[in-house]
Amino acid sequence: DCAIDTWSLGTIVAELFLGLPLFAGENEYNQVARIMDTLGPPPDEMLEEGVFTAKFFSRRNEGAQGLPRFSLKPESMLAEEAAARQEEYKLSRNKQYFRYKLLPELIDNHRTRQ
């Protein structure tokens, strides 16, 4: 898919410029959380169709029509769900490489190597 290839290319170019991964997640959940911190949540319509949505997002119905709304589960909830399945889940340390969240801020405030 062209959109995914463009996304991949963009993140690689950003990593080459910055010298660090743009979305350096320690696990799948942490990766999703970092992307959402920068770009905001995915559209509910997309999450409604997602194969792994229930793994990372809680669903609630809102409004008169009961439209689905999604929110990212707390990581502690993922750990509890894993424990209920008798699986191990290691909470991320959530190490931050950048203090800026938006790409223009990262680029404007990035210190280039001399």
Protein backbone atom coordinates (compact mmCIF):
# COMPACT_ATOMS: atom_id res chain seq x y z
CA ASP A 1 0.00 0.00 0.00
CA CYS A 2 1.37 3.38 -1.01
CA ALA A 3 0.24 5.17 2.19
CA ILE A 4 2.10 2.72 4.41
CA ASP A 5 5.21 2.92 2.24
CA THR A 6 5.10 6.74 2.42
CA TRP A 7 4.68 6.55 6.21
CA SER A 8 7.67 4.19 6.50
CA LEU A 9 9.84 6.37 4.30
CA GLY A 10 8.91 9.48 6.29
CA THR A 11 9.78 7.90 9.64
CA ILE A 12 13.10 6.61 8.27
CA VAL A 13 14.03 10.04 6.88
CA ALA A 14 13.13 11.66 10.21
CA GLU A 15 15.28 9.11 12.06
CA LEU A 16 18.22 9.78 9.73
CA PHE A 17 17.89 13.53 10.33
CA LEU A 18 17.40 13.31 14.09
CA GLY A 19 19.83 10.46 14.72
CA LEU A 20 17.27 8.67 16.92
CA PRO A 21 14.08 6.73 16.25
CA LEU A 22 11.08 9.01 15.87
CA PHE A 23 8.72 6.60 17.66
CA ALA A 24 11.05 4.50 19.82
CA GLY A 25 8.51 2.25 21.50
CA GLU A 26 9.62 -0.50 23.86
CA ASN A 27 6.68 -2.72 22.91
CA GLU A 28 3.60 -2.58 20.67
CA TYR A 29 1.54 -0.66 23.21
CA ASN A 30 4.28 1.89 23.86
CA GLN A 31 4.73 2.35 20.10
CA VAL A 32 1.01 3.06 19.62
CA ALA A 33 1.01 5.47 22.58
CA ARG A 34 3.99 7.41 21.19
CA ILE A 35 2.43 7.72 17.75
CA MET A 36 -0.83 8.92 19.32
CA ASP A 37 1.05 11.49 21.45
CA THR A 38 2.41 13.03 18.26
CA LEU A 39 -0.37 12.52 15.73
CA GLY A 40 -3.47 12.09 17.88
CA PRO A 41 -5.74 9.06 17.98
CA PRO A 42 -6.71 7.09 14.89
CA PRO A 43 -10.23 7.75 13.63
CA ASP A 44 -12.91 5.70 15.40
CA GLU A 45 -14.07 4.40 12.01
CA MET A 46 -10.62 2.91 11.46
CA LEU A 47 -10.49 1.40 14.94
CA GLU A 48 -13.95 -0.09 14.42
CA GLU A 49 -12.52 -2.19 11.58
CA GLY A 50 -9.14 -2.96 13.19
CA VAL A 51 -8.13 -6.56 13.86
CA PHE A 52 -6.15 -5.72 17.01
CA THR A 53 -8.22 -2.78 18.26
CA ALA A 54 -9.55 -4.66 21.32
CA LYS A 55 -5.99 -5.45 22.41
CA PHE A 56 -5.07 -1.79 22.91
CA PHE A 57 -8.32 0.20 22.98
CA SER A 58 -11.44 0.27 25.13
CA ARG A 59 -14.75 0.72 23.32
CA ARG A 60 -17.72 2.62 24.65
CA ASN A 61 -20.95 3.65 22.95
CA GLU A 62 -21.95 7.30 23.11
CA GLY A 63 -24.70 9.53 21.90
CA ALA A 64 -28.28 8.86 20.89
CA GLN A 65 -27.18 6.51 18.12
CA GLY A 66 -24.71 4.67 20.35
CA LEU A 67 -21.78 5.41 18.06
CA PRO A 68 -18.58 3.61 19.06
CA ARG A 69 -15.83 5.68 20.67
CA PHE A 70 -12.41 4.30 21.48
CA SER A 71 -9.73 5.24 23.97
CA LEU A 72 -6.29 3.79 24.52
CA LYS A 73 -6.28 1.40 27.47
CA PRO A 74 -3.90 2.20 30.33
CA GLU A 75 -0.84 -0.01 30.07
CA SER A 76 -1.61 -1.40 33.53
CA MET A 77 -4.86 -2.82 32.08
CA LEU A 78 -2.88 -4.70 29.42
CA ALA A 79 -0.72 -6.16 32.20
CA GLU A 80 -3.83 -7.23 34.15
CA GLU A 81 -5.37 -8.83 31.05
CA ALA A 82 -2.12 -10.72 30.38
CA ALA A 83 -2.01 -11.93 34.00
CA ALA A 84 -5.59 -13.20 33.68
CA ARG A 85 -4.41 -15.27 30.69
CA GLN A 86 -1.40 -16.37 32.77
CA GLU A 87 0.95 -14.53 30.43
CA GLU A 88 3.79 -12.24 31.38
CA TYR A 89 3.65 -8.56 30.44
CA LYS A 90 6.53 -6.22 31.13
CA LEU A 91 5.49 -2.59 31.63
CA SER A 92 7.47 -0.14 29.51
CA ARG A 93 9.85 2.33 31.10
CA ASN A 94 8.53 4.97 28.68
CA LYS A 95 11.96 6.50 28.06
CA GLN A 96 11.69 9.77 26.12
CA TYR A 97 14.33 10.78 23.59
CA PHE A 98 12.75 14.13 22.79
CA ARG A 99 10.90 16.67 24.89
CA TYR A 100 8.99 17.90 21.84
CA LYS A 101 5.99 15.98 20.53
CA LEU A 102 5.25 17.63 17.19
CA LEU A 103 7.53 17.08 14.20
CA PRO A 104 8.00 20.81 13.41
CA GLU A 105 9.09 21.37 17.04
CA LEU A 106 11.55 18.48 16.81
CA ILE A 107 13.06 19.79 13.60
CA ASP A 108 13.23 23.44 14.73
CA ASN A 109 14.81 22.58 18.08
CA HIS A 110 17.06 19.71 17.00
CA ARG A 111 20.75 20.27 17.54
CA THR A 112 22.72 19.20 14.52
CA ARG A 113 26.09 17.63 15.05
CA GLN A 114 29.01 19.88 14.25
